């Protein structure tokens, strides 16, 4: 498998207050493509970051509309993966991929 294909399965890390709190429990949150599944994500993350993944939860956020300045605006949905690492391991998101 080529390195380019490994990185296609991870769009970006999600750095929010909630995901920062999850990092204390060895959990990392990534935004992933809609076609991504748990099996492929586990293989790719273990190869890229050299860590052991114990569990993956995937959340599918649907498209929605919101009102911005009096106009209805469509907000694009996305898929995010919460990845639980083996105890004692971590991924440093500040260094980049």
PDB file of N, CA and C in Angstrom:
ATOM      1  N   UNK A   1       0.835  -1.180   0.000  1.00  0.00           N
ATOM      2  CA  UNK A   1       0.000   0.000   0.000  1.00  0.00           C
ATOM      3  C   UNK A   1       0.879   1.243   0.000  1.00  0.00           C
ATOM      4  N   UNK A   2       0.564   2.181  -0.852  1.00  0.00           N
ATOM      5  CA  UNK A   2       1.360   3.394  -1.006  1.00  0.00           C
ATOM      6  C   UNK A   2       1.077   4.384   0.129  1.00  0.00           C
ATOM      7  N   UNK A   3       2.066   5.191   0.491  1.00  0.00           N
ATOM      8  CA  UNK A   3       1.904   6.163   1.567  1.00  0.00           C
ATOM      9  C   UNK A   3       0.789   7.160   1.267  1.00  0.00           C
ATOM     10  N   UNK A   4       0.607   7.525   0.012  1.00  0.00           N
ATOM     11  CA  UNK A   4      -0.425   8.489  -0.351  1.00  0.00           C
ATOM     12  C   UNK A   4      -1.797   7.950   0.024  1.00  0.00           C
ATOM     13  N   UNK A   5      -2.036   6.668  -0.198  1.00  0.00           N
ATOM     14  CA  UNK A   5      -3.324   6.085   0.128  1.00  0.00           C
ATOM     15  C   UNK A   5      -3.536   5.996   1.636  1.00  0.00           C
ATOM     16  N   UNK A   6      -2.483   5.849   2.412  1.00  0.00           N
ATOM     17  CA  UNK A   6      -2.625   5.807   3.866  1.00  0.00           C
ATOM     18  C   UNK A   6      -3.126   7.147   4.394  1.00  0.00           C
ATOM     19  N   UNK A   7      -2.588   8.230   3.869  1.00  0.00           N
ATOM     20  CA  UNK A   7      -2.964   9.549   4.350  1.00  0.00           C
ATOM     21  C   UNK A   7      -4.311  10.017   3.811  1.00  0.00           C
ATOM     22  N   UNK A   8      -4.846   9.367   2.781  1.00  0.00           N
ATOM     23  CA  UNK A   8      -6.152   9.742   2.251  1.00  0.00           C
ATOM     24  C   UNK A   8      -7.279   9.423   3.224  1.00  0.00           C
ATOM     25  N   UNK A   9      -7.068   8.509   4.142  1.00  0.00           N
ATOM     26  CA  UNK A   9      -8.116   8.104   5.073  1.00  0.00           C
ATOM     27  C   UNK A   9      -8.233   9.021   6.285  1.00  0.00           C
ATOM     28  N   UNK A  10      -7.310   9.974   6.447  1.00  0.00           N
ATOM     29  CA  UNK A  10      -7.371  10.924   7.556  1.00  0.00           C
ATOM     30  C   UNK A  10      -7.364  12.320   6.959  1.00  0.00           C
ATOM     31  N   UNK A  11      -8.461  13.056   7.120  1.00  0.00           N
ATOM     32  CA  UNK A  11      -8.518  14.404   6.554  1.00  0.00           C
ATOM     33  C   UNK A  11      -7.835  15.420   7.461  1.00  0.00           C
ATOM     34  N   UNK A  12      -8.171  15.406   8.750  1.00  0.00           N
ATOM     35  CA  UNK A  12      -7.546  16.343   9.679  1.00  0.00           C
ATOM     36  C   UNK A  12      -7.854  15.929  11.110  1.00  0.00           C
ATOM     37  N   UNK A  13      -7.002  16.319  12.044  1.00  0.00           N
ATOM     38  CA  UNK A  13      -7.338  16.094  13.453  1.00  0.00           C
ATOM     39  C   UNK A  13      -8.354  17.148  13.892  1.00  0.00           C
ATOM     40  N   UNK A  14      -9.231  16.784  14.797  1.00  0.00           N
ATOM     41  CA  UNK A  14     -10.208  17.737  15.325  1.00  0.00           C
ATOM     42  C   UNK A  14      -9.724  18.180  16.701  1.00  0.00           C
ATOM     43  N   UNK A  15      -9.355  19.443  16.803  1.00  0.00           N
ATOM     44  CA  UNK A  15      -8.855  19.977  18.069  1.00  0.00           C
ATOM     45  C   UNK A  15      -9.928  20.900  18.632  1.00  0.00           C
ATOM     46  N   UNK A  16     -10.701  20.359  19.550  1.00  0.00           N
ATOM     47  CA  UNK A  16     -11.740  21.111  20.245  1.00  0.00           C
ATOM     48  C   UNK A  16     -11.549  20.892  21.738  1.00  0.00           C
ATOM     49  N   UNK A  17     -12.358  21.560  22.518  1.00  0.00           N
ATOM     50  CA  UNK A  17     -12.253  21.386  23.970  1.00  0.00           C
ATOM     51  C   UNK A  17     -12.604  19.953  24.357  1.00  0.00           C
ATOM     52  N   UNK A  18     -13.634  19.416  23.728  1.00  0.00           N
ATOM     53  CA  UNK A  18     -14.055  18.055  24.040  1.00  0.00           C
ATOM     54  C   UNK A  18     -12.987  17.036  23.620  1.00  0.00           C
ATOM     55  N   UNK A  19     -12.389  17.212  22.444  1.00  0.00           N
ATOM     56  CA  UNK A  19     -11.370  16.255  21.999  1.00  0.00           C
ATOM     57  C   UNK A  19     -10.094  16.374  22.835  1.00  0.00           C
ATOM     58  N   UNK A  20      -9.809  17.557  23.333  1.00  0.00           N
ATOM     59  CA  UNK A  20      -8.655  17.727  24.219  1.00  0.00           C
ATOM     60  C   UNK A  20      -8.876  16.996  25.539  1.00  0.00           C
ATOM     61  N   UNK A  21     -10.097  17.050  26.044  1.00  0.00           N
ATOM     62  CA  UNK A  21     -10.409  16.309  27.272  1.00  0.00           C
ATOM     63  C   UNK A  21     -10.342  14.806  27.038  1.00  0.00           C
ATOM     64  N   UNK A  22     -10.718  14.350  25.841  1.00  0.00           N
ATOM     65  CA  UNK A  22     -10.639  12.924  25.524  1.00  0.00           C
ATOM     66  C   UNK A  22      -9.197  12.432  25.435  1.00  0.00           C
ATOM     67  N   UNK A  23      -8.265  13.325  25.127  1.00  0.00           N
ATOM     68  CA  UNK A  23      -6.869  12.903  24.997  1.00  0.00           C
ATOM     69  C   UNK A  23      -6.301  12.409  26.330  1.00  0.00           C
ATOM     70  N   UNK A  24      -6.902  12.799  27.436  1.00  0.00           N
ATOM     71  CA  UNK A  24      -6.476  12.294  28.739  1.00  0.00           C
ATOM     72  C   UNK A  24      -6.822  10.823  28.908  1.00  0.00           C
ATOM     73  N   UNK A  25      -7.784  10.334  28.117  1.00  0.00           N
ATOM     74  CA  UNK A  25      -8.200   8.928  28.166  1.00  0.00           C
ATOM     75  C   UNK A  25      -7.610   8.136  26.997  1.00  0.00           C
ATOM     76  N   UNK A  26      -6.500   8.601  26.430  1.00  0.00           N
ATOM     77  CA  UNK A  26      -5.837   7.968  25.278  1.00  0.00           C
ATOM     78  C   UNK A  26      -6.743   7.905  24.056  1.00  0.00           C
ATOM     79  N   UNK A  27      -7.540   8.950  23.808  1.00  0.00           N
ATOM     80  CA  UNK A  27      -8.426   8.998  22.647  1.00  0.00           C
ATOM     81  C   UNK A  27      -8.057  10.190  21.778  1.00  0.00           C
ATOM     82  N   UNK A  28      -8.041   9.960  20.477  1.00  0.00           N
ATOM     83  CA  UNK A  28      -7.728  10.998  19.498  1.00  0.00           C
ATOM     84  C   UNK A  28      -8.910  11.095  18.538  1.00  0.00           C
ATOM     85  N   UNK A  29      -9.261  12.308  18.108  1.00  0.00           N
ATOM     86  CA  UNK A  29     -10.392  12.507  17.213  1.00  0.00           C
ATOM     87  C   UNK A  29      -9.882  13.024  15.870  1.00  0.00           C
ATOM     88  N   UNK A  30     -10.292  12.342  14.786  1.00  0.00           N
ATOM     89  CA  UNK A  30      -9.923  12.737  13.430  1.00  0.00           C
ATOM     90  C   UNK A  30     -11.168  12.923  12.580  1.00  0.00           C
ATOM     91  N   UNK A  31     -11.106  13.856  11.635  1.00  0.00           N
ATOM     92  CA  UNK A  31     -12.137  13.966  10.608  1.00  0.00           C
ATOM     93  C   UNK A  31     -11.706  13.042   9.478  1.00  0.00           C
ATOM     94  N   UNK A  32     -12.622  12.176   9.026  1.00  0.00           N
ATOM     95  CA  UNK A  32     -12.294  11.158   8.018  1.00  0.00           C
ATOM     96  C   UNK A  32     -13.282  11.249   6.857  1.00  0.00           C
ATOM     97  N   UNK A  33     -12.933  10.685   5.693  1.00  0.00           N
ATOM     98  CA  UNK A  33     -13.868  10.708   4.557  1.00  0.00           C
ATOM     99  C   UNK A  33     -15.108   9.872   4.822  1.00  0.00           C
ATOM    100  N   UNK A  34     -16.147  10.141   4.075  1.00  0.00           N
ATOM    101  CA  UNK A  34     -17.417   9.423   4.265  1.00  0.00           C
ATOM    102  C   UNK A  34     -17.294   7.939   3.945  1.00  0.00           C
ATOM    103  N   UNK A  35     -16.346   7.546   3.095  1.00  0.00           N
ATOM    104  CA  UNK A  35     -16.182   6.137   2.715  1.00  0.00           C
ATOM    105  C   UNK A  35     -15.369   5.345   3.724  1.00  0.00           C
ATOM    106  N   UNK A  36     -14.774   6.013   4.706  1.00  0.00           N
ATOM    107  CA  UNK A  36     -13.882   5.340   5.654  1.00  0.00           C
ATOM    108  C   UNK A  36     -14.660   4.363   6.535  1.00  0.00           C
ATOM    109  N   UNK A  37     -14.003   3.246   6.870  1.00  0.00           N
ATOM    110  CA  UNK A  37     -14.599   2.292   7.802  1.00  0.00           C
ATOM    111  C   UNK A  37     -13.573   1.944   8.880  1.00  0.00           C
ATOM    112  N   UNK A  38     -14.024   1.240   9.903  1.00  0.00           N
ATOM    113  CA  UNK A  38     -13.182   0.974  11.067  1.00  0.00           C
ATOM    114  C   UNK A  38     -11.965   0.123  10.732  1.00  0.00           C
ATOM    115  N   UNK A  39     -12.131  -0.865   9.877  1.00  0.00           N
ATOM    116  CA  UNK A  39     -11.029  -1.781   9.555  1.00  0.00           C
ATOM    117  C   UNK A  39      -9.904  -1.041   8.849  1.00  0.00           C
ATOM    118  N   UNK A  40     -10.240  -0.257   7.820  1.00  0.00           N
ATOM    119  CA  UNK A  40      -9.220   0.494   7.090  1.00  0.00           C
ATOM    120  C   UNK A  40      -8.566   1.557   7.959  1.00  0.00           C
ATOM    121  N   UNK A  41      -9.367   2.240   8.782  1.00  0.00           N
ATOM    122  CA  UNK A  41      -8.806   3.260   9.660  1.00  0.00           C
ATOM    123  C   UNK A  41      -7.807   2.675  10.644  1.00  0.00           C
ATOM    124  N   UNK A  42      -8.138   1.539  11.215  1.00  0.00           N
ATOM    125  CA  UNK A  42      -7.241   0.914  12.191  1.00  0.00           C
ATOM    126  C   UNK A  42      -5.907   0.569  11.544  1.00  0.00           C
ATOM    127  N   UNK A  43      -5.940  -0.046  10.364  1.00  0.00           N
ATOM    128  CA  UNK A  43      -4.702  -0.415   9.677  1.00  0.00           C
ATOM    129  C   UNK A  43      -3.869   0.819   9.338  1.00  0.00           C
ATOM    130  N   UNK A  44      -4.518   1.857   8.813  1.00  0.00           N
ATOM    131  CA  UNK A  44      -3.788   3.050   8.393  1.00  0.00           C
ATOM    132  C   UNK A  44      -3.187   3.803   9.569  1.00  0.00           C
ATOM    133  N   UNK A  45      -3.924   3.957  10.648  1.00  0.00           N
ATOM    134  CA  UNK A  45      -3.402   4.698  11.795  1.00  0.00           C
ATOM    135  C   UNK A  45      -2.263   3.944  12.450  1.00  0.00           C
ATOM    136  N   UNK A  46      -2.367   2.619  12.526  1.00  0.00           N
ATOM    137  CA  UNK A  46      -1.266   1.839  13.099  1.00  0.00           C
ATOM    138  C   UNK A  46      -0.011   1.945  12.234  1.00  0.00           C
ATOM    139  N   UNK A  47      -0.155   1.990  10.910  1.00  0.00           N
ATOM    140  CA  UNK A  47       1.012   2.102  10.034  1.00  0.00           C
ATOM    141  C   UNK A  47       1.608   3.506  10.059  1.00  0.00           C
ATOM    142  N   UNK A  48       0.773   4.537  10.052  1.00  0.00           N
ATOM    143  CA  UNK A  48       1.273   5.910   9.983  1.00  0.00           C
ATOM    144  C   UNK A  48       1.940   6.329  11.286  1.00  0.00           C
ATOM    145  N   UNK A  49       1.249   6.129  12.419  1.00  0.00           N
ATOM    146  CA  UNK A  49       1.719   6.656  13.691  1.00  0.00           C
ATOM    147  C   UNK A  49       2.464   5.645  14.552  1.00  0.00           C
ATOM    148  N   UNK A  50       2.543   4.373  14.122  1.00  0.00           N
ATOM    149  CA  UNK A  50       3.259   3.325  14.866  1.00  0.00           C
ATOM    150  C   UNK A  50       2.712   3.178  16.288  1.00  0.00           C
ATOM    151  N   UNK A  51       1.377   3.078  16.423  1.00  0.00           N
ATOM    152  CA  UNK A  51       0.719   2.880  17.714  1.00  0.00           C
ATOM    153  C   UNK A  51      -0.228   1.694  17.602  1.00  0.00           C
ATOM    154  N   UNK A  52      -0.723   1.212  18.737  1.00  0.00           N
ATOM    155  CA  UNK A  52      -1.706   0.127  18.753  1.00  0.00           C
ATOM    156  C   UNK A  52      -3.084   0.703  19.042  1.00  0.00           C
ATOM    157  N   UNK A  53      -4.028   0.450  18.132  1.00  0.00           N
ATOM    158  CA  UNK A  53      -5.399   0.929  18.276  1.00  0.00           C
ATOM    159  C   UNK A  53      -6.223  -0.169  18.928  1.00  0.00           C
ATOM    160  N   UNK A  54      -6.930   0.173  20.017  1.00  0.00           N
ATOM    161  CA  UNK A  54      -7.762  -0.816  20.687  1.00  0.00           C
ATOM    162  C   UNK A  54      -9.227  -0.715  20.285  1.00  0.00           C
ATOM    163  N   UNK A  55      -9.696   0.500  19.937  1.00  0.00           N
ATOM    164  CA  UNK A  55     -11.105   0.678  19.628  1.00  0.00           C
ATOM    165  C   UNK A  55     -11.292   1.899  18.739  1.00  0.00           C
ATOM    166  N   UNK A  56     -12.288   1.841  17.850  1.00  0.00           N
ATOM    167  CA  UNK A  56     -12.622   2.981  16.996  1.00  0.00           C
ATOM    168  C   UNK A  56     -14.135   3.186  17.029  1.00  0.00           C
ATOM    169  N   UNK A  57     -14.560   4.402  17.322  1.00  0.00           N
ATOM    170  CA  UNK A  57     -15.962   4.793  17.235  1.00  0.00           C
ATOM    171  C   UNK A  57     -16.093   5.797  16.101  1.00  0.00           C
ATOM    172  N   UNK A  58     -17.079   5.596  15.229  1.00  0.00           N
ATOM    173  CA  UNK A  58     -17.288   6.497  14.099  1.00  0.00           C
ATOM    174  C   UNK A  58     -18.637   7.184  14.261  1.00  0.00           C
ATOM    175  N   UNK A  59     -18.625   8.512  14.089  1.00  0.00           N
ATOM    176  CA  UNK A  59     -19.831   9.320  14.196  1.00  0.00           C
ATOM    177  C   UNK A  59     -20.052  10.007  12.861  1.00  0.00           C
ATOM    178  N   UNK A  60     -21.266   9.868  12.310  1.00  0.00           N
ATOM    179  CA  UNK A  60     -21.605  10.456  11.023  1.00  0.00           C
ATOM    180  C   UNK A  60     -22.462  11.693  11.273  1.00  0.00           C
ATOM    181  N   UNK A  61     -21.915  12.883  11.012  1.00  0.00           N
ATOM    182  CA  UNK A  61     -22.649  14.130  11.181  1.00  0.00           C
ATOM    183  C   UNK A  61     -23.359  14.446   9.861  1.00  0.00           C
ATOM    184  N   UNK A  62     -24.683  14.585   9.896  1.00  0.00           N
ATOM    185  CA  UNK A  62     -25.483  14.811   8.695  1.00  0.00           C
ATOM    186  C   UNK A  62     -25.402  16.264   8.229  1.00  0.00           C
ATOM    187  N   UNK A  63     -25.756  16.474   6.950  1.00  0.00           N
ATOM    188  CA  UNK A  63     -25.894  17.839   6.437  1.00  0.00           C
ATOM    189  C   UNK A  63     -27.010  18.530   7.205  1.00  0.00           C
ATOM    190  N   UNK A  64     -26.884  19.839   7.380  1.00  0.00           N
ATOM    191  CA  UNK A  64     -27.935  20.579   8.072  1.00  0.00           C
ATOM    192  C   UNK A  64     -27.986  21.999   7.523  1.00  0.00           C
ATOM    193  N   UNK A  65     -29.061  22.683   7.822  1.00  0.00           N
ATOM    194  CA  UNK A  65     -29.177  24.079   7.426  1.00  0.00           C
ATOM    195  C   UNK A  65     -29.194  24.935   8.682  1.00  0.00           C
ATOM    196  N   UNK A  66     -28.621  26.121   8.553  1.00  0.00           N
ATOM    197  CA  UNK A  66     -28.662  27.061   9.664  1.00  0.00           C
ATOM    198  C   UNK A  66     -28.922  28.448   9.100  1.00  0.00           C
ATOM    199  N   UNK A  67     -29.330  29.343   9.947  1.00  0.00           N
ATOM    200  CA  UNK A  67     -29.635  30.704   9.522  1.00  0.00           C
ATOM    201  C   UNK A  67     -28.440  31.580   9.866  1.00  0.00           C
ATOM    202  N   UNK A  68     -27.868  32.213   8.841  1.00  0.00           N
ATOM    203  CA  UNK A  68     -26.741  33.116   9.030  1.00  0.00           C
ATOM    204  C   UNK A  68     -27.084  34.438   8.358  1.00  0.00           C
ATOM    205  N   UNK A  69     -27.159  35.501   9.121  1.00  0.00           N
ATOM    206  CA  UNK A  69     -27.492  36.835   8.623  1.00  0.00           C
ATOM    207  C   UNK A  69     -28.832  36.851   7.887  1.00  0.00           C
ATOM    208  N   UNK A  70     -29.785  36.107   8.402  1.00  0.00           N
ATOM    209  CA  UNK A  70     -31.123  36.095   7.838  1.00  0.00           C
ATOM    210  C   UNK A  70     -31.313  35.201   6.634  1.00  0.00           C
ATOM    211  N   UNK A  71     -30.275  34.478   6.217  1.00  0.00           N
ATOM    212  CA  UNK A  71     -30.370  33.584   5.063  1.00  0.00           C
ATOM    213  C   UNK A  71     -30.132  32.154   5.506  1.00  0.00           C
ATOM    214  N   UNK A  72     -30.807  31.227   4.851  1.00  0.00           N
ATOM    215  CA  UNK A  72     -30.558  29.824   5.136  1.00  0.00           C
ATOM    216  C   UNK A  72     -29.295  29.380   4.410  1.00  0.00           C
ATOM    217  N   UNK A  73     -28.418  28.728   5.152  1.00  0.00           N
ATOM    218  CA  UNK A  73     -27.133  28.276   4.617  1.00  0.00           C
ATOM    219  C   UNK A  73     -27.004  26.784   4.892  1.00  0.00           C
ATOM    220  N   UNK A  74     -26.556  26.016   3.885  1.00  0.00           N
ATOM    221  CA  UNK A  74     -26.323  24.590   4.093  1.00  0.00           C
ATOM    222  C   UNK A  74     -24.948  24.387   4.700  1.00  0.00           C
ATOM    223  N   UNK A  75     -24.888  23.565   5.730  1.00  0.00           N
ATOM    224  CA  UNK A  75     -23.629  23.212   6.374  1.00  0.00           C
ATOM    225  C   UNK A  75     -23.323  21.768   5.989  1.00  0.00           C
ATOM    226  N   UNK A  76     -22.170  21.555   5.391  1.00  0.00           N
ATOM    227  CA  UNK A  76     -21.777  20.231   4.915  1.00  0.00           C
ATOM    228  C   UNK A  76     -21.543  19.285   6.086  1.00  0.00           C
ATOM    229  N   UNK A  77     -22.060  18.076   6.003  1.00  0.00           N
ATOM    230  CA  UNK A  77     -21.838  17.066   7.029  1.00  0.00           C
ATOM    231  C   UNK A  77     -20.462  16.428   6.875  1.00  0.00           C
ATOM    232  N   UNK A  78     -20.067  15.661   7.853  1.00  0.00           N
ATOM    233  CA  UNK A  78     -18.768  14.989   7.829  1.00  0.00           C
ATOM    234  C   UNK A  78     -18.827  13.753   8.707  1.00  0.00           C
ATOM    235  N   UNK A  79     -17.754  12.992   8.678  1.00  0.00           N
ATOM    236  CA  UNK A  79     -17.644  11.797   9.499  1.00  0.00           C
ATOM    237  C   UNK A  79     -16.423  11.970  10.391  1.00  0.00           C
ATOM    238  N   UNK A  80     -16.558  11.652  11.676  1.00  0.00           N
ATOM    239  CA  UNK A  80     -15.402  11.743  12.562  1.00  0.00           C
ATOM    240  C   UNK A  80     -15.194  10.417  13.264  1.00  0.00           C
ATOM    241  N   UNK A  81     -13.933  10.142  13.556  1.00  0.00           N
ATOM    242  CA  UNK A  81     -13.558   8.890  14.194  1.00  0.00           C
ATOM    243  C   UNK A  81     -12.870   9.199  15.518  1.00  0.00           C
ATOM    244  N   UNK A  82     -13.362   8.557  16.582  1.00  0.00           N
ATOM    245  CA  UNK A  82     -12.720   8.651  17.890  1.00  0.00           C
ATOM    246  C   UNK A  82     -11.918   7.376  18.074  1.00  0.00           C
ATOM    247  N   UNK A  83     -10.604   7.526  18.143  1.00  0.00           N
ATOM    248  CA  UNK A  83      -9.698   6.385  18.152  1.00  0.00           C
ATOM    249  C   UNK A  83      -9.097   6.240  19.542  1.00  0.00           C
ATOM    250  N   UNK A  84      -9.290   5.058  20.137  1.00  0.00           N
ATOM    251  CA  UNK A  84      -8.738   4.762  21.455  1.00  0.00           C
ATOM    252  C   UNK A  84      -7.435   4.000  21.273  1.00  0.00           C
ATOM    253  N   UNK A  85      -6.379   4.514  21.886  1.00  0.00           N
ATOM    254  CA  UNK A  85      -5.056   3.895  21.785  1.00  0.00           C
ATOM    255  C   UNK A  85      -4.787   3.024  23.005  1.00  0.00           C
ATOM    256  N   UNK A  86      -3.801   2.133  22.845  1.00  0.00           N
ATOM    257  CA  UNK A  86      -3.381   1.287  23.950  1.00  0.00           C
ATOM    258  C   UNK A  86      -2.836   2.165  25.075  1.00  0.00           C
ATOM    259  N   UNK A  87      -3.039   1.742  26.299  1.00  0.00           N
ATOM    260  CA  UNK A  87      -2.624   2.536  27.449  1.00  0.00           C
ATOM    261  C   UNK A  87      -1.126   2.820  27.401  1.00  0.00           C
ATOM    262  N   UNK A  88      -0.772   4.077  27.623  1.00  0.00           N
ATOM    263  CA  UNK A  88       0.625   4.474  27.610  1.00  0.00           C
ATOM    264  C   UNK A  88       1.097   5.011  26.270  1.00  0.00           C
ATOM    265  N   UNK A  89       0.293   4.883  25.215  1.00  0.00           N
ATOM    266  CA  UNK A  89       0.682   5.393  23.901  1.00  0.00           C
ATOM    267  C   UNK A  89      -0.071   6.689  23.613  1.00  0.00           C
ATOM    268  N   UNK A  90       0.517   7.504  22.746  1.00  0.00           N
ATOM    269  CA  UNK A  90      -0.145   8.758  22.381  1.00  0.00           C
ATOM    270  C   UNK A  90       0.334   9.185  21.000  1.00  0.00           C
ATOM    271  N   UNK A  91      -0.420  10.096  20.400  1.00  0.00           N
ATOM    272  CA  UNK A  91      -0.071  10.691  19.113  1.00  0.00           C
ATOM    273  C   UNK A  91       0.080  12.185  19.351  1.00  0.00           C
ATOM    274  N   UNK A  92       1.223  12.749  18.952  1.00  0.00           N
ATOM    275  CA  UNK A  92       1.459  14.174  19.113  1.00  0.00           C
ATOM    276  C   UNK A  92       0.936  14.882  17.877  1.00  0.00           C
ATOM    277  N   UNK A  93      -0.197  15.578  17.992  1.00  0.00           N
ATOM    278  CA  UNK A  93      -0.820  16.240  16.858  1.00  0.00           C
ATOM    279  C   UNK A  93      -0.139  17.546  16.487  1.00  0.00           C
ATOM    280  N   UNK A  94       0.702  18.088  17.359  1.00  0.00           N
ATOM    281  CA  UNK A  94       1.332  19.373  17.080  1.00  0.00           C
ATOM    282  C   UNK A  94       2.463  19.262  16.070  1.00  0.00           C
ATOM    283  N   UNK A  95       3.008  18.055  15.860  1.00  0.00           N
ATOM    284  CA  UNK A  95       4.118  17.910  14.922  1.00  0.00           C
ATOM    285  C   UNK A  95       3.658  17.837  13.484  1.00  0.00           C
ATOM    286  N   UNK A  96       2.399  17.481  13.237  1.00  0.00           N
ATOM    287  CA  UNK A  96       1.896  17.340  11.871  1.00  0.00           C
ATOM    288  C   UNK A  96       2.148  15.936  11.366  1.00  0.00           C
ATOM    289  N   UNK A  97       1.567  15.673  10.209  1.00  0.00           N
ATOM    290  CA  UNK A  97       1.684  14.325   9.628  1.00  0.00           C
ATOM    291  C   UNK A  97       2.778  14.316   8.593  1.00  0.00           C
TER     292      UNK A  97
END
